[in-house]
Amino acid sequence: MPQPLTVEGAEGPSLKSSLPALLILAVAICAGFTTMVSFGIMAESAKAELGLSDEALGAIQGVSAAVPLVLLSIPIGILVDRASRVRMLLVFSLVWTIGTFLTALAPEAWSLFGGRMMTGIGATGALTACLSLTADLCRPAERGKGLLIVTLGKSLGQAAAFSLTGWLIGYYAASGVAPLLGGLSPWRSSQLALGIGSALLVLPLFLLREPARQEVEQGGKPAMRVVFGELWSRRAFLLPLFVGQTGVVMADAAAGIWAAPIIERQFGLRPAEFSGLLGTIILVSGLAGALIGGLAADWGSKTGRRGGLLLGALIAAVVGVPAALFPLLPTATGTMLVLGLLILAGTVTGLVTSVALTVLLPNEIRGLSIGAFISVAGLIGFGIAPPLVAIVSKPLGGESALGLAQGLVGVLVSLMSVWGFWLAMRRAPDEATSRKGLDLPLR
């Protein structure tokens, strides 16, 4: 019988020795999520220039991310378990960078849809690879802190998508400032500048080397029918966990896409007037959420109680319910501050869920499980939630009721997430048993 390459109690890479690699991953994810989220702050400008409706805008931002996630996330997850993740990261970084350039130069809605689709494929595919790499760059007891570093990169990217993009739009809109490329409008010049910056920030990925995989069996890889069977055997735990995090993704995806248009319409502000504050709030919320989530995951894991690792996610999901009402606040500052609380809660649940998948599942099925989750979250969170907000707003008063529709949808899906995390805690597997590699027939 093959012997485990790494088992509980064996030494793996320390967080300190892996810090340079983790920082490179964090910078790459920062670039990817900046390009992916950046369109939200320029959505109103693109809508006016291309003559788009709210429904079309929701599809361009939401469905363009959902379709490739549904089709590609599981294959990507399988590749993450079996191929070089560093090479995959290089490919994904190229995809999201090309998508950013296509967004900047898109002459009509369909090519804009294609550009946003490519940035979604690149950024989310890279995240799956990064989570798997981080798990093998850290000992199990330090994975919460390791994933915290990568999550900080993601949070910084989301914040930069608002603050940096808003500043760029204001800069190129200023009198006397030439467009980055002749004839481009300010939002297009800003998108082109982000693409150039992304290409530079991902260059350190060429310095990475593929780490040894921890907690796997020697002697080969399990047959795919066995891998899917193992995943299915854990459905009592994984399904409610996916429901919990998908509810959070729905609330956060819709909020991220519609926050800027809501602020512009309800308070009459231009992006350059609020993007700096909004970006700062998102950054602080993301940093605080990553810190809280990482520490909560490691603390919960050390309690020794079944499902204790997920306690932080459950508490954060509860906080997200009232925070989802951020569009109903009477001031722009209040709206942005409560949105920050929603993002903080979502960051905590996302990080704790990531830690749970890397600690409570064997290495052989981690990538597949992460890919399956991203597929479900992509279909429902991005494909349904943003267009649903636009649809719900119609009987409530049309475009002027966008904020009310966002609040209603946000509360409903946040309540769903609370139920999912509560049930996942009750059904969580034992950590000590989960960390061992699969003792299964090999292909």
Protein backbone atom coordinates (compact mmCIF):
# COMPACT_ATOMS: atom_id res chain seq x y z
CA MET A 1 0.00 0.00 0.00
CA PRO A 2 1.41 3.46 -0.87
CA GLN A 3 2.53 5.55 2.06
CA PRO A 4 1.45 9.17 2.59
CA LEU A 5 3.95 11.73 1.42
CA THR A 6 2.93 14.06 4.25
CA VAL A 7 0.73 13.20 7.21
CA GLU A 8 -0.51 15.10 10.21
CA GLY A 9 2.36 15.93 12.47
CA ALA A 10 5.00 15.79 9.71
CA GLU A 11 6.94 18.93 8.95
CA GLY A 12 5.96 20.96 5.92
CA PRO A 13 7.23 24.31 4.64
CA SER A 14 7.13 27.04 7.26
CA LEU A 15 5.26 30.26 6.66
CA LYS A 16 8.50 32.22 7.04
CA SER A 17 10.37 30.24 4.37
CA SER A 18 7.43 30.51 1.95
CA LEU A 19 6.80 34.23 2.49
CA PRO A 20 8.51 35.44 -0.76
CA ALA A 21 6.44 33.02 -2.86
CA LEU A 22 3.24 33.97 -1.03
CA LEU A 23 3.90 37.66 -1.66
CA ILE A 24 4.38 37.00 -5.38
CA LEU A 25 1.05 35.16 -5.43
CA ALA A 26 -0.62 38.03 -3.54
CA VAL A 27 0.68 40.63 -6.02
CA ALA A 28 -0.54 38.57 -8.98
CA ILE A 29 -3.99 38.09 -7.46
CA CYS A 30 -4.08 41.82 -6.68
CA ALA A 31 -3.50 42.60 -10.37
CA GLY A 32 -6.09 40.05 -11.50
CA PHE A 33 -8.87 41.27 -9.23
CA THR A 34 -8.12 44.91 -9.98
CA THR A 35 -8.77 44.27 -13.66
CA MET A 36 -11.79 42.04 -12.94
CA VAL A 37 -13.60 44.45 -10.61
CA SER A 38 -12.49 47.73 -12.23
CA PHE A 39 -15.36 47.91 -14.70
CA GLY A 40 -17.84 48.53 -11.87
CA ILE A 41 -16.62 52.10 -11.33
CA MET A 42 -16.79 52.90 -15.05
CA ALA A 43 -20.08 51.10 -15.75
CA GLU A 44 -22.17 54.28 -15.96
CA SER A 45 -19.69 55.86 -18.40
CA ALA A 46 -19.70 52.76 -20.62
CA LYS A 47 -23.49 52.58 -20.42
CA ALA A 48 -23.83 56.15 -21.67
CA GLU A 49 -21.24 55.76 -24.45
CA LEU A 50 -22.61 52.45 -25.79
CA GLY A 51 -26.31 53.09 -25.07
CA LEU A 52 -26.78 50.11 -22.74
CA SER A 53 -29.74 49.29 -20.47
CA ASP A 54 -29.42 48.19 -16.83
CA GLU A 55 -30.25 44.63 -17.89
CA ALA A 56 -27.49 44.65 -20.52
CA LEU A 57 -25.07 46.18 -18.03
CA GLY A 58 -25.91 43.48 -15.48
CA ALA A 59 -25.35 40.78 -18.09
CA ILE A 60 -22.02 42.24 -19.21
CA GLN A 61 -20.72 42.33 -15.65
CA GLY A 62 -22.47 39.29 -14.17
CA VAL A 63 -23.27 36.76 -16.88
CA SER A 64 -19.92 37.32 -18.61
CA ALA A 65 -18.26 36.11 -15.40
CA ALA A 66 -20.76 33.32 -14.73
CA VAL A 67 -20.72 31.50 -18.07
CA PRO A 68 -16.98 30.70 -18.21
CA LEU A 69 -16.93 29.88 -14.50
CA VAL A 70 -19.68 27.31 -14.93
CA LEU A 71 -18.02 25.77 -17.99
CA LEU A 72 -14.38 25.92 -16.93
CA SER A 73 -14.09 25.91 -13.12
CA ILE A 74 -14.35 22.14 -12.67
CA PRO A 75 -11.84 21.37 -15.48
CA ILE A 76 -9.55 24.02 -13.99
CA GLY A 77 -9.94 22.42 -10.56
CA ILE A 78 -9.00 19.01 -11.96
CA LEU A 79 -5.93 20.50 -13.66
CA VAL A 80 -4.93 22.21 -10.42
CA ASP A 81 -4.88 18.79 -8.73
CA ARG A 82 -2.78 17.22 -11.51
CA ALA A 83 -0.74 19.82 -13.43
CA SER A 84 1.78 22.58 -12.74
CA ARG A 85 -0.10 25.33 -10.96
CA VAL A 86 2.65 27.88 -11.57
CA ARG A 87 2.35 27.41 -15.35
CA MET A 88 -1.40 27.71 -15.04
CA LEU A 89 -0.99 31.01 -13.21
CA LEU A 90 1.12 32.38 -16.05
CA VAL A 91 -1.56 31.41 -18.57
CA PHE A 92 -4.36 32.92 -16.48
CA SER A 93 -2.46 36.18 -16.02
CA LEU A 94 -2.11 36.44 -19.80
CA VAL A 95 -5.84 35.79 -20.24
CA TRP A 96 -7.00 38.49 -17.82
CA THR A 97 -4.51 41.01 -19.24
CA ILE A 98 -5.71 40.44 -22.82
CA GLY A 99 -9.29 40.72 -21.56
CA THR A 100 -8.49 44.10 -20.02
CA PHE A 101 -7.09 45.39 -23.31
CA LEU A 102 -10.15 44.07 -25.17
CA THR A 103 -12.42 45.87 -22.69
CA ALA A 104 -10.60 49.13 -23.35
CA LEU A 105 -10.97 48.84 -27.13
CA ALA A 106 -14.43 47.19 -27.36
CA PRO A 107 -16.54 48.97 -30.01
CA GLU A 108 -19.88 47.44 -28.97
CA ALA A 109 -21.61 45.37 -26.29
CA TRP A 110 -20.61 41.86 -27.47
CA SER A 111 -16.89 42.56 -27.60
CA LEU A 112 -17.17 44.28 -24.22
CA PHE A 113 -18.90 41.11 -22.95
CA GLY A 114 -15.98 39.06 -24.31
CA GLY A 115 -13.39 41.25 -22.62
CA ARG A 116 -15.12 41.01 -19.25
CA MET A 117 -15.46 37.24 -19.72
CA MET A 118 -11.70 36.89 -20.22
CA THR A 119 -10.85 38.90 -17.11
CA GLY A 120 -13.26 36.70 -15.12
CA ILE A 121 -11.70 33.49 -16.45
CA GLY A 122 -8.19 34.69 -15.70
CA ALA A 123 -8.73 36.10 -12.21
CA THR A 124 -10.93 33.34 -10.81
CA GLY A 125 -8.91 30.55 -12.43
CA ALA A 126 -5.76 32.04 -10.92
CA LEU A 127 -7.42 32.17 -7.51
CA THR A 128 -8.09 28.42 -7.60
CA ALA A 129 -4.43 27.75 -8.42
CA CYS A 130 -3.25 30.19 -5.73
CA LEU A 131 -5.35 28.54 -3.01
CA SER A 132 -3.90 25.14 -3.88
CA LEU A 133 -0.34 26.51 -4.01
CA THR A 134 -0.75 28.30 -0.68
CA ALA A 135 -1.93 25.09 0.99
CA ASP A 136 1.30 23.36 -0.10
CA LEU A 137 3.48 26.32 0.88
CA CYS A 138 2.28 26.22 4.52
CA ARG A 139 1.92 23.67 7.29
CA PRO A 140 -1.72 22.84 8.11
CA ALA A 141 -1.54 24.80 11.38
CA GLU A 142 -0.38 27.93 9.49
CA ARG A 143 -2.68 27.79 6.47
CA GLY A 144 -5.04 30.40 7.85
CA LYS A 145 -2.17 32.90 7.98
CA GLY A 146 -0.88 31.82 4.58
CA LEU A 147 -4.27 32.25 2.94
CA LEU A 148 -4.57 35.57 4.78
CA ILE A 149 -1.61 36.88 2.72
CA VAL A 150 -3.18 35.86 -0.58
CA THR A 151 -6.56 37.21 0.53
CA LEU A 152 -4.93 40.53 1.37
CA GLY A 153 -3.73 40.67 -2.23
CA LYS A 154 -7.26 40.01 -3.45
CA SER A 155 -8.67 42.69 -1.11
CA LEU A 156 -6.06 45.21 -2.21
CA GLY A 157 -6.97 44.47 -5.83
CA GLN A 158 -10.68 45.01 -5.17
CA ALA A 159 -9.94 48.31 -3.41
CA ALA A 160 -7.63 49.46 -6.21
CA ALA A 161 -10.36 48.62 -8.71
CA PHE A 162 -12.40 51.47 -7.22
CA SER A 163 -9.88 53.99 -5.93
CA LEU A 164 -7.22 53.67 -8.64
CA THR A 165 -9.73 53.36 -11.47
CA GLY A 166 -11.73 56.31 -10.18
CA TRP A 167 -8.56 58.40 -10.00
CA LEU A 168 -7.56 57.35 -13.52
CA ILE A 169 -10.97 58.29 -14.93
CA GLY A 170 -10.74 61.69 -13.24
CA TYR A 171 -7.20 62.16 -14.51
CA TYR A 172 -8.03 61.39 -18.13
CA ALA A 173 -11.25 63.42 -17.92
CA ALA A 174 -9.32 66.52 -16.76
CA SER A 175 -8.96 69.31 -19.26
CA GLY A 176 -5.69 69.21 -21.14
CA VAL A 177 -4.86 65.55 -20.39
CA ALA A 178 -4.38 63.51 -23.53
CA PRO A 179 -5.92 60.02 -23.77
CA LEU A 180 -3.55 57.10 -23.37
CA LEU A 181 -4.29 56.18 -26.98
CA GLY A 182 -5.68 58.61 -29.53
CA GLY A 183 -9.48 58.87 -29.56
CA LEU A 184 -10.12 56.88 -26.37
CA SER A 185 -12.61 58.17 -23.80
CA PRO A 186 -11.46 58.53 -20.16
CA TRP A 187 -12.87 55.18 -19.03
CA ARG A 188 -11.23 53.38 -21.96
CA SER A 189 -7.87 55.06 -21.29
CA SER A 190 -8.15 54.01 -17.65
CA GLN A 191 -8.83 50.39 -18.61
CA LEU A 192 -5.86 50.39 -21.00
CA ALA A 193 -3.60 51.75 -18.25
CA LEU A 194 -4.75 48.96 -15.92
CA GLY A 195 -3.87 46.37 -18.56
CA ILE A 196 -0.34 47.73 -18.88
CA GLY A 197 0.08 47.79 -15.10
CA SER A 198 -1.19 44.22 -14.83
CA ALA A 199 1.33 42.98 -17.39
CA LEU A 200 4.14 44.43 -15.29
CA LEU A 201 2.88 43.15 -11.92
CA VAL A 202 2.67 39.51 -13.01
CA LEU A 203 6.28 39.30 -14.20
CA PRO A 204 7.51 37.98 -10.78
CA LEU A 205 5.46 34.81 -11.43
CA PHE A 206 8.36 33.67 -13.62
CA LEU A 207 10.45 33.38 -10.44
CA LEU A 208 8.11 30.82 -8.82
CA ARG A 209 8.81 27.10 -8.67
CA GLU A 210 6.17 24.40 -8.21
CA PRO A 211 6.18 23.20 -4.54
CA ALA A 212 5.84 19.57 -3.47
CA ARG A 213 2.26 18.58 -2.74
CA GLN A 214 1.47 17.81 0.88
CA GLU A 215 -0.89 15.18 2.31
CA VAL A 216 -1.01 12.98 -0.77
CA GLU A 217 -0.37 9.30 -1.41
CA GLN A 218 2.77 8.26 -3.26
CA GLY A 219 2.60 6.07 -6.32
CA GLY A 220 0.28 7.94 -8.65
CA LYS A 221 -3.01 9.77 -8.88
CA PRO A 222 -6.46 8.38 -8.07
CA ALA A 223 -8.71 7.55 -11.02
CA MET A 224 -11.22 10.30 -11.76
CA ARG A 225 -14.22 8.09 -10.93
CA VAL A 226 -12.69 7.57 -7.48
CA VAL A 227 -12.01 11.29 -7.03
CA PHE A 228 -15.61 12.23 -7.93
CA GLY A 229 -16.84 9.43 -5.67
CA GLU A 230 -14.84 10.81 -2.74
CA LEU A 231 -16.21 14.29 -3.39
CA TRP A 232 -19.77 12.96 -3.54
CA SER A 233 -19.30 11.01 -0.32
CA ARG A 234 -18.69 14.35 1.46
CA ARG A 235 -21.85 16.00 0.08
CA ALA A 236 -23.53 16.26 3.49
CA PHE A 237 -20.81 18.72 4.49
CA LEU A 238 -19.90 20.31 1.13
CA LEU A 239 -23.41 21.14 -0.12
CA PRO A 240 -24.42 23.35 2.85
CA LEU A 241 -20.93 24.89 2.84
CA PHE A 242 -21.40 25.78 -0.83
CA VAL A 243 -24.87 27.17 -0.08
CA GLY A 244 -23.43 29.33 2.69
CA GLN A 245 -20.59 30.79 0.66
CA THR A 246 -22.67 31.10 -2.52
CA GLY A 247 -25.15 33.26 -0.62
CA VAL A 248 -22.29 35.50 0.44
CA VAL A 249 -20.97 35.64 -3.14
CA MET A 250 -24.42 36.61 -4.41
CA ALA A 251 -24.65 39.49 -1.94
CA ASP A 252 -21.09 40.66 -2.57
CA ALA A 253 -21.19 40.27 -6.36
CA ALA A 254 -24.39 42.27 -6.73
CA ALA A 255 -23.10 44.91 -4.28
CA GLY A 256 -19.77 45.23 -6.09
CA ILE A 257 -21.42 45.60 -9.47
CA TRP A 258 -24.21 48.00 -8.50
CA ALA A 259 -22.57 50.03 -5.69
CA ALA A 260 -21.11 52.73 -7.95
CA PRO A 261 -24.27 53.19 -10.09
CA ILE A 262 -26.39 53.35 -6.90
CA ILE A 263 -24.17 56.05 -5.40
CA GLU A 264 -24.13 58.02 -8.64
CA ARG A 265 -27.91 57.89 -9.07
CA GLN A 266 -29.02 58.37 -5.45
CA PHE A 267 -26.57 61.10 -4.48
CA GLY A 268 -25.65 62.70 -7.82
CA LEU A 269 -21.91 62.09 -7.42
CA ARG A 270 -19.35 61.42 -10.15
CA PRO A 271 -16.82 58.57 -9.81
CA ALA A 272 -13.92 60.92 -9.13
CA GLU A 273 -15.87 62.43 -6.20
CA PHE A 274 -16.41 59.23 -4.24
CA SER A 275 -14.07 56.56 -5.62
CA GLY A 276 -11.19 57.53 -3.30
CA LEU A 277 -13.26 57.14 -0.14
CA LEU A 278 -14.98 54.02 -1.45
CA GLY A 279 -11.65 52.45 -2.38
CA THR A 280 -10.22 53.24 1.05
CA ILE A 281 -13.24 51.71 2.80
CA ILE A 282 -13.02 48.59 0.63
CA LEU A 283 -9.29 48.29 1.32
CA VAL A 284 -9.67 48.65 5.10
CA SER A 285 -12.62 46.26 5.10
CA GLY A 286 -10.72 43.71 3.05
CA LEU A 287 -7.60 43.95 5.21
CA ALA A 288 -9.59 43.69 8.42
CA GLY A 289 -11.69 40.84 7.04
CA ALA A 290 -8.61 38.92 5.92
CA LEU A 291 -6.94 39.39 9.29
CA ILE A 292 -10.04 38.40 11.24
CA GLY A 293 -10.77 35.47 8.92
CA GLY A 294 -7.24 34.08 9.04
CA LEU A 295 -7.00 34.29 12.81
CA ALA A 296 -10.55 32.98 13.28
CA ALA A 297 -9.86 29.97 11.06
CA ASP A 298 -6.64 29.05 12.88
CA TRP A 299 -8.28 29.63 16.27
CA GLY A 300 -11.35 27.62 15.35
CA SER A 301 -9.17 24.78 14.08
CA LYS A 302 -7.28 24.67 17.39
CA THR A 303 -10.46 24.41 19.48
CA GLY A 304 -10.65 20.73 18.58
CA ARG A 305 -14.44 20.79 18.26
CA ARG A 306 -16.08 19.42 15.15
CA GLY A 307 -16.91 22.30 12.82
CA GLY A 308 -15.11 24.84 15.02
CA LEU A 309 -13.09 26.05 12.03
CA LEU A 310 -16.33 27.42 10.51
CA LEU A 311 -17.51 29.37 13.55
CA GLY A 312 -15.98 32.62 12.27
CA ALA A 313 -17.78 32.20 8.94
CA LEU A 314 -21.13 31.70 10.67
CA ILE A 315 -20.72 34.84 12.78
CA ALA A 316 -19.64 36.87 9.74
CA ALA A 317 -22.64 35.61 7.75
CA VAL A 318 -24.96 36.83 10.52
CA VAL A 319 -23.30 40.28 10.41
CA GLY A 320 -23.83 40.34 6.64
CA VAL A 321 -27.63 40.27 6.93
CA PRO A 322 -28.17 43.84 8.21
CA ALA A 323 -25.11 45.07 6.28
CA ALA A 324 -26.83 44.07 3.03
CA LEU A 325 -29.20 47.02 3.58
CA PHE A 326 -26.40 49.50 2.78
CA PRO A 327 -28.24 51.03 -0.25
CA LEU A 328 -31.05 52.27 2.05
CA LEU A 329 -28.81 54.61 4.06
CA PRO A 330 -29.66 58.34 3.66
CA THR A 331 -26.08 59.56 3.00
CA ALA A 332 -23.36 58.53 0.56
CA THR A 333 -20.81 58.18 3.36
CA GLY A 334 -23.12 55.96 5.41
CA THR A 335 -23.87 53.85 2.34
CA MET A 336 -20.17 53.28 1.69
CA LEU A 337 -19.36 52.53 5.34
CA VAL A 338 -22.06 49.86 5.66
CA LEU A 339 -21.01 48.45 2.28
CA GLY A 340 -17.56 48.14 3.83
CA LEU A 341 -19.05 46.10 6.68
CA LEU A 342 -20.68 43.78 4.12
CA ILE A 343 -17.33 43.35 2.34
CA LEU A 344 -15.58 42.68 5.67
CA ALA A 345 -18.08 39.94 6.49
CA GLY A 346 -17.76 38.45 3.01
CA THR A 347 -13.96 38.44 3.22
CA VAL A 348 -14.10 36.58 6.53
CA THR A 349 -16.46 33.91 5.18
CA GLY A 350 -14.43 33.53 1.98
CA LEU A 351 -11.15 33.03 3.79
CA VAL A 352 -12.59 30.65 6.37
CA THR A 353 -14.25 28.63 3.60
CA SER A 354 -10.94 28.45 1.71
CA VAL A 355 -9.15 27.23 4.83
CA ALA A 356 -11.89 24.67 5.44
CA LEU A 357 -11.50 23.25 1.92
CA THR A 358 -7.71 22.95 2.30
CA VAL A 359 -7.79 21.52 5.84
CA LEU A 360 -10.91 19.34 5.82
CA LEU A 361 -10.34 17.74 2.40
CA PRO A 362 -7.46 15.56 1.15
CA ASN A 363 -5.07 17.15 -1.37
CA GLU A 364 -6.27 14.91 -4.20
CA ILE A 365 -9.75 16.52 -4.27
CA ARG A 366 -9.02 20.07 -3.13
CA GLY A 367 -8.68 21.60 -6.57
CA LEU A 368 -11.78 19.82 -7.83
CA SER A 369 -13.81 20.93 -4.80
CA ILE A 370 -12.63 24.54 -5.15
CA GLY A 371 -13.40 24.41 -8.88
CA ALA A 372 -16.87 22.98 -8.23
CA PHE A 373 -17.55 25.70 -5.67
CA ILE A 374 -16.41 28.47 -8.04
CA SER A 375 -18.61 26.96 -10.76
CA VAL A 376 -21.69 27.04 -8.51
CA ALA A 377 -20.86 30.46 -7.12
CA GLY A 378 -20.19 31.78 -10.62
CA LEU A 379 -23.49 30.55 -11.99
CA ILE A 380 -25.60 31.78 -9.08
CA GLY A 381 -23.55 34.60 -7.58
CA PHE A 382 -22.53 36.40 -10.78
CA GLY A 383 -24.98 35.00 -13.31
CA ILE A 384 -28.18 35.44 -11.30
CA ALA A 385 -27.71 38.02 -8.53
CA PRO A 386 -26.72 41.16 -10.56
CA PRO A 387 -29.40 40.73 -13.27
CA LEU A 388 -31.91 39.80 -10.55
CA VAL A 389 -31.40 43.18 -8.88
CA ALA A 390 -32.20 44.94 -12.17
CA ILE A 391 -35.29 42.74 -12.67
CA VAL A 392 -36.57 43.30 -9.11
CA SER A 393 -36.12 47.08 -9.48
CA LYS A 394 -38.60 47.28 -12.39
CA PRO A 395 -41.86 46.75 -10.42
CA LEU A 396 -40.44 48.87 -7.58
CA GLY A 397 -39.99 51.97 -9.75
CA GLY A 398 -37.39 51.24 -12.41
CA GLU A 399 -33.83 52.57 -12.42
CA SER A 400 -34.54 54.92 -9.52
CA ALA A 401 -35.36 51.90 -7.29
CA LEU A 402 -32.08 50.11 -7.94
CA GLY A 403 -30.91 50.66 -4.33
CA LEU A 404 -34.10 49.23 -2.81
CA ALA A 405 -33.88 46.17 -5.07
CA GLN A 406 -30.24 45.63 -4.11
CA GLY A 407 -31.13 45.76 -0.41
CA LEU A 408 -33.97 43.24 -0.74
CA VAL A 409 -31.94 40.76 -2.77
CA GLY A 410 -28.94 41.19 -0.46
CA VAL A 411 -30.89 40.40 2.72
CA LEU A 412 -32.55 37.29 1.25
CA VAL A 413 -29.32 35.71 0.01
CA SER A 414 -27.50 36.67 3.23
CA LEU A 415 -30.11 34.80 5.27
CA MET A 416 -29.54 31.81 3.01
CA SER A 417 -25.81 31.96 3.77
CA VAL A 418 -26.42 31.89 7.54
CA TRP A 419 -28.44 28.68 7.20
CA GLY A 420 -25.76 27.08 5.01
CA PHE A 421 -22.85 27.78 7.36
CA TRP A 422 -24.84 26.63 10.40
CA LEU A 423 -25.62 23.30 8.75
CA ALA A 424 -22.04 22.89 7.45
CA MET A 425 -20.70 23.33 10.99
CA ARG A 426 -22.93 20.53 12.25
CA ARG A 427 -21.80 18.18 9.46
CA ALA A 428 -18.08 19.06 9.28
CA PRO A 429 -15.70 16.06 9.12
CA ASP A 430 -13.00 15.38 11.69
CA GLU A 431 -9.85 17.42 10.90
CA ALA A 432 -7.29 14.78 11.85
CA THR A 433 -8.84 12.20 9.51
CA SER A 434 -9.36 14.71 6.69
CA ARG A 435 -5.70 15.73 6.48
CA LYS A 436 -4.53 12.29 5.40
CA GLY A 437 -4.12 11.44 1.74
CA LEU A 438 -6.61 9.20 0.01
CA ASP A 439 -5.97 5.50 0.57
CA LEU A 440 -7.57 4.54 -2.71
CA PRO A 441 -6.94 2.49 -5.87
CA LEU A 442 -4.75 4.44 -8.26
CA ARG A 443 -5.12 4.81 -12.00
